[in-house]
Protein backbone atom coordinates (compact mmCIF):
# COMPACT_ATOMS: atom_id res chain seq x y z
CA MET A 1 14.58 30.45 -14.95
CA TYR A 2 15.22 26.75 -15.45
CA VAL A 3 15.10 25.07 -12.01
CA ARG A 4 15.06 21.35 -11.53
CA ILE A 5 12.64 20.50 -8.71
CA ASP A 6 12.03 17.05 -7.16
CA SER A 7 8.50 17.42 -5.77
CA HIS A 8 8.32 14.20 -3.75
CA VAL A 9 11.12 13.36 -1.20
CA HIS A 10 10.81 11.67 2.23
CA ILE A 11 13.15 12.59 5.01
CA LEU A 12 13.52 11.53 8.61
CA PRO A 13 15.59 12.78 11.55
CA PRO A 14 18.91 11.03 12.05
CA GLU A 15 17.97 9.99 15.65
CA PHE A 16 14.79 8.53 14.29
CA ILE A 17 16.66 6.41 11.84
CA LYS A 18 19.13 5.41 14.40
CA ASN A 19 16.40 3.90 16.50
CA ILE A 20 14.23 2.67 13.51
CA ASP A 21 13.27 -0.67 14.97
CA LYS A 22 11.78 1.03 18.08
CA ASN A 23 10.29 3.79 16.00
CA MET A 24 8.72 1.38 13.64
CA GLU A 25 6.23 0.41 16.26
CA ARG A 26 4.89 3.88 16.72
CA ASP A 27 2.67 3.85 13.68
CA GLU A 28 0.96 0.92 12.05
CA HIS A 29 1.03 2.32 8.45
CA PHE A 30 4.73 3.30 8.83
CA LYS A 31 5.60 -0.15 9.89
CA LEU A 32 3.65 -1.58 6.93
CA LEU A 33 5.70 0.43 4.43
CA HIS A 34 9.05 -0.18 6.14
CA SER A 35 9.01 -3.53 7.56
CA SER A 36 11.16 -4.97 4.68
CA PRO A 37 14.84 -5.35 5.41
CA LYS A 38 15.45 -3.55 2.11
CA ALA A 39 13.53 -0.45 3.36
CA LYS A 40 15.43 2.77 2.75
CA PHE A 41 15.57 5.94 4.90
CA ALA A 42 17.06 9.33 4.27
CA THR A 43 18.16 12.46 6.13
CA ALA A 44 18.39 15.79 4.65
CA GLU A 45 22.04 15.38 4.02
CA ASP A 46 21.40 12.14 2.09
CA VAL A 47 18.94 14.04 -0.06
CA LEU A 48 21.45 16.87 -0.72
CA GLU A 49 24.04 14.31 -1.89
CA GLU A 50 21.52 12.66 -4.22
CA MET A 51 20.46 16.02 -5.57
CA LYS A 52 24.11 16.77 -6.38
CA LYS A 53 24.44 13.61 -8.22
CA ALA A 54 21.29 14.13 -10.17
CA GLY A 55 21.44 17.89 -10.88
CA ILE A 56 18.45 18.71 -8.85
CA ASP A 57 18.07 22.39 -7.60
CA LYS A 58 15.39 22.06 -5.07
CA ALA A 59 13.51 19.33 -3.36
CA VAL A 60 10.05 19.20 -1.67
CA VAL A 61 10.60 17.31 1.52
CA PHE A 62 8.37 15.87 4.23
CA GLY A 63 8.06 13.11 6.67
CA PHE A 64 5.53 10.20 6.50
CA SER A 65 1.79 10.26 6.85
CA CYS A 66 0.83 9.07 10.26
CA LEU A 67 -2.13 8.83 12.69
CA ASP A 68 -0.20 10.12 15.77
CA MET A 69 0.04 13.81 16.22
CA GLY A 70 3.14 13.51 18.38
CA LEU A 71 4.92 11.66 15.54
CA ALA A 72 3.66 14.03 12.95
CA ARG A 73 5.07 17.06 14.96
CA GLU A 74 8.35 15.30 15.20
CA PHE A 75 8.56 14.77 11.49
CA ASN A 76 7.43 18.33 10.92
CA ASP A 77 10.09 19.83 13.36
CA TYR A 78 12.79 18.21 11.36
CA VAL A 79 11.42 19.50 8.11
CA ILE A 80 11.26 23.01 9.55
CA GLU A 81 14.75 22.71 10.84
CA VAL A 82 16.25 21.57 7.51
CA VAL A 83 14.41 24.21 5.56
CA LYS A 84 15.84 26.76 7.80
CA ARG A 85 19.27 25.33 7.45
CA TYR A 86 19.07 24.90 3.59
CA PRO A 87 16.47 27.55 2.45
CA ASP A 88 17.72 27.60 -1.10
CA ARG A 89 17.55 23.78 -1.54
CA PHE A 90 14.38 22.63 0.30
CA ILE A 91 10.68 23.42 0.21
CA GLY A 92 8.97 22.00 3.18
CA PHE A 93 5.62 20.30 3.53
CA ALA A 94 3.89 19.17 6.73
CA VAL A 95 2.19 15.98 7.59
CA VAL A 96 -0.87 15.82 9.80
CA PRO A 97 -3.55 13.37 10.89
CA LEU A 98 -6.49 14.93 9.24
CA ASN A 99 -9.23 14.70 11.92
CA HIS A 100 -7.19 15.31 15.14
CA LYS A 101 -8.40 18.14 17.40
CA ASP A 102 -5.11 19.99 16.75
CA THR A 103 -4.80 19.58 13.02
CA GLU A 104 -5.55 23.13 12.21
CA LYS A 105 -3.22 24.30 14.93
CA GLU A 106 -0.38 22.21 13.67
CA ILE A 107 -0.80 23.30 10.04
CA ILE A 108 -0.84 26.94 11.13
CA ARG A 109 2.35 26.37 13.24
CA CYS A 110 4.13 24.80 10.29
CA VAL A 111 3.19 27.61 7.93
CA GLU A 112 4.44 30.22 10.41
CA LYS A 113 7.69 28.28 10.58
CA GLY A 114 8.05 28.42 6.79
CA LEU A 115 6.49 25.28 5.33
CA LYS A 116 4.62 25.71 2.03
CA GLY A 117 2.22 22.79 1.84
CA VAL A 118 0.66 19.71 3.26
CA GLY A 119 1.55 16.18 2.34
CA GLU A 120 2.18 13.54 1.44
CA ILE A 121 -1.11 12.64 2.95
CA ILE A 122 -1.75 8.82 2.71
CA PRO A 123 -5.56 8.26 3.25
CA GLU A 124 -5.04 4.84 4.63
CA ALA A 125 -2.47 6.07 7.13
CA VAL A 126 -4.76 8.58 8.59
CA ARG A 127 -7.91 6.53 8.12
CA VAL A 128 -9.90 8.90 5.93
CA ASP A 129 -12.01 8.39 2.91
CA ILE A 130 -11.17 11.39 0.68
CA SER A 131 -14.36 11.04 -1.25
CA LYS A 132 -16.40 11.89 1.87
CA GLN A 133 -16.52 15.56 2.51
CA ASP A 134 -17.70 15.15 6.05
CA GLU A 135 -14.32 13.42 6.76
CA ILE A 136 -11.98 15.74 4.81
CA GLY A 137 -13.83 19.06 4.10
CA LYS A 138 -12.50 20.87 7.15
CA PHE A 139 -8.81 19.96 6.30
CA ALA A 140 -9.43 21.07 2.71
CA SER A 141 -10.87 24.38 3.85
CA ILE A 142 -7.90 25.00 6.14
CA CYS A 143 -5.46 24.42 3.22
CA ARG A 144 -7.57 26.60 0.83
CA GLU A 145 -7.65 29.51 3.28
CA LEU A 146 -3.82 29.37 3.75
CA ASN A 147 -3.15 28.75 0.02
CA LEU A 148 -1.44 25.56 0.64
CA PRO A 149 -1.08 22.84 -1.93
CA ILE A 150 -2.08 19.43 -0.88
CA LEU A 151 0.07 16.41 -1.94
CA MET A 152 -2.29 13.36 -1.75
CA HIS A 153 -1.34 9.69 -2.24
CA VAL A 154 -3.52 7.83 -4.63
CA ASN A 155 -3.41 4.26 -5.71
CA GLU A 156 -4.12 2.52 -8.96
CA LEU A 157 -6.68 -0.10 -7.95
CA VAL A 158 -5.59 -2.86 -10.51
CA GLY A 159 -2.36 -4.44 -11.06
CA HIS A 160 0.12 -6.03 -8.56
CA TYR A 161 0.08 -5.76 -4.84
CA TYR A 162 2.69 -3.98 -2.80
CA PRO A 163 2.91 -3.00 0.84
CA GLY A 164 0.81 0.18 1.42
CA LYS A 165 -1.33 -0.21 -1.79
CA GLY A 166 -4.61 1.14 -0.49
CA LYS A 167 -8.19 1.48 -1.79
CA MET A 168 -8.26 5.29 -2.40
CA GLY A 169 -8.02 5.45 -6.20
CA PRO A 170 -9.10 7.61 -9.16
CA GLU A 171 -12.73 7.61 -8.27
CA GLN A 172 -12.17 8.82 -4.69
CA ALA A 173 -9.49 11.34 -5.94
CA TYR A 174 -11.99 12.75 -8.47
CA SER A 175 -14.60 13.13 -5.75
CA PHE A 176 -12.17 15.04 -3.54
CA ALA A 177 -11.25 17.51 -6.42
CA LEU A 178 -14.94 17.81 -7.31
CA ASN A 179 -15.86 18.67 -3.73
CA ASN A 180 -13.03 21.14 -3.33
CA PRO A 181 -12.56 22.75 -6.65
CA ASP A 182 -10.52 25.81 -5.38
CA ASN A 183 -7.77 23.63 -3.72
CA VAL A 184 -4.48 23.11 -5.44
CA ILE A 185 -4.10 19.44 -5.35
CA ILE A 186 -1.10 17.21 -6.45
CA TYR A 187 -1.94 13.64 -6.74
CA ALA A 188 1.05 11.36 -6.23
CA HIS A 189 1.82 8.35 -8.37
CA TRP A 190 0.07 9.80 -11.45
CA GLY A 191 -3.04 10.07 -9.39
CA GLY A 192 -3.64 6.31 -9.52
CA GLY A 193 -4.36 6.74 -13.26
CA LEU A 194 -6.82 9.52 -12.78
CA LEU A 195 -4.96 11.53 -15.39
CA PHE A 196 -6.31 9.22 -18.16
CA TYR A 197 -9.77 10.41 -17.38
CA GLU A 198 -8.85 13.96 -18.42
CA LEU A 199 -9.65 12.77 -21.97
CA MET A 200 -13.22 13.33 -20.73
CA PRO A 201 -14.02 17.06 -21.16
CA GLU A 202 -16.16 17.34 -17.99
CA VAL A 203 -13.46 15.60 -15.97
CA LYS A 204 -10.81 17.87 -17.31
CA GLU A 205 -12.78 20.93 -16.22
CA THR A 206 -13.25 19.41 -12.78
CA LEU A 207 -9.60 18.74 -12.44
CA LYS A 208 -8.32 22.14 -13.52
CA ASN A 209 -6.49 22.69 -10.24
CA VAL A 210 -5.06 19.23 -10.07
CA TYR A 211 -1.60 18.20 -10.78
CA TYR A 212 0.12 14.71 -10.83
CA ASP A 213 3.57 13.73 -9.79
CA THR A 214 5.64 10.78 -11.20
CA ALA A 215 6.54 9.26 -7.82
CA ALA A 216 7.34 5.54 -8.21
CA SER A 217 6.53 5.55 -11.86
CA PRO A 218 9.22 3.00 -12.81
CA TYR A 219 7.45 0.52 -10.43
CA LEU A 220 4.00 1.26 -11.86
CA TYR A 221 4.00 2.15 -15.51
CA ILE A 222 6.12 1.70 -18.70
CA PRO A 223 8.04 4.76 -19.90
CA GLN A 224 5.48 5.42 -22.61
CA ILE A 225 3.27 7.18 -20.00
CA TYR A 226 5.27 10.33 -20.66
CA ARG A 227 4.11 10.27 -24.27
CA ALA A 228 0.60 9.81 -23.09
CA VAL A 229 0.86 13.16 -21.14
CA LYS A 230 1.06 15.03 -24.48
CA ILE A 231 -1.85 13.08 -26.10
CA ILE A 232 -4.00 13.81 -23.09
CA GLY A 233 -3.00 17.51 -23.20
CA ILE A 234 -1.68 17.79 -19.62
CA GLU A 235 1.85 18.89 -20.19
CA ASP A 236 1.56 21.67 -17.70
CA LYS A 237 0.22 19.42 -14.92
CA ILE A 238 2.95 16.87 -14.45
CA LEU A 239 5.60 17.27 -11.64
CA PHE A 240 8.79 15.23 -11.38
CA GLY A 241 8.79 13.35 -8.06
CA SER A 242 11.29 10.72 -7.30
CA ASP A 243 9.83 9.29 -4.02
CA PHE A 244 13.45 9.22 -2.76
CA PRO A 245 14.86 7.29 -0.96
CA LEU A 246 12.54 4.68 -2.59
CA LEU A 247 14.02 5.56 -6.01
CA SER A 248 16.80 7.86 -7.24
CA PRO A 249 16.10 10.62 -9.64
CA LEU A 250 18.64 9.00 -11.96
CA ARG A 251 16.26 6.05 -12.47
CA TYR A 252 13.74 8.37 -13.97
CA TYR A 253 16.30 9.95 -16.34
CA LYS A 254 16.85 6.45 -17.81
CA GLU A 255 13.17 6.14 -18.35
CA TRP A 256 13.03 9.45 -20.21
CA GLU A 257 15.87 8.34 -22.50
CA LYS A 258 13.88 5.22 -23.42
CA VAL A 259 11.13 7.43 -24.91
CA ASP A 260 13.36 10.14 -26.15
CA LEU A 261 11.40 12.69 -24.14
CA GLU A 262 11.18 15.96 -26.05
CA GLU A 263 13.10 18.91 -24.54
CA GLN A 264 10.17 21.17 -23.90
CA LEU A 265 8.06 18.58 -22.17
CA LYS A 266 11.15 17.56 -20.20
CA ILE A 267 11.66 21.25 -19.06
CA LYS A 268 8.03 21.38 -17.86
CA ILE A 269 8.17 18.15 -15.93
CA GLU A 270 11.58 18.68 -14.40
CA GLY A 271 10.73 21.86 -12.77
CA GLU A 272 8.80 24.58 -14.69
CA ASN A 273 5.27 23.27 -13.68
CA ALA A 274 6.42 22.79 -10.06
CA TYR A 275 7.99 26.32 -9.95
CA ARG A 276 4.64 27.73 -11.01
CA ILE A 277 2.98 26.03 -8.02
CA PHE A 278 5.48 26.68 -5.28
CA PHE A 279 6.75 30.15 -6.14
CA LYS A 280 3.98 31.86 -8.15
CA THR A 281 0.73 30.96 -6.22
């Protein structure tokens, strides 16, 4: 079955957006990401409208990584609500601060309410070094026991600066995968370039349960990165993620046209790979 899945979409409750100036002050990292007057916010209905325009069948939706558990619960409650309201359109993920005393409790609550994964976790937002197992091992263990994929933000550590560009890059992401080989991990933003290291046989073996999404790709790489996927031999590990509302899925379609993306690879990226993770694991 050919299903188009957008694996990286941020949503916020309408009331939260309505009071965005006040809510911006509730989390330091959220404010850093959204302090620009050009910042965009989306409700579930905004996402559905964009999905219709772009021909997307399902979207993985979540709030924003934050340090405050109360704020995380607020985001998660909204995701739980919209997944219940639109079960055929949305796959919900939970956001949690990783070392809060109620982290495990909140993850279990979200799973019992129908959410299917955890993320997008931004290490800087929750003040965790993902290469240090003593800081993140317990969280990884919970996700492994509950069979939850982890969507983790990773940055490329070279190139231009932008708000939110952190210091958790390919080396730290590799360590996290090495320390937690049985977890299904989705590294956002092409894993900060970690995918290129899969040309090394021992790295490829270590990253056997690691996937990469394309979120923000037009801001980071030239379209030829999609050709590199085939050369590296990771066609089955790439998930389309728009990072909406930052970017529309339509922007990515234009990128694919520029490199004349072959149909079979397009099918895998658009949804086949994601479907295997979210519906067959």
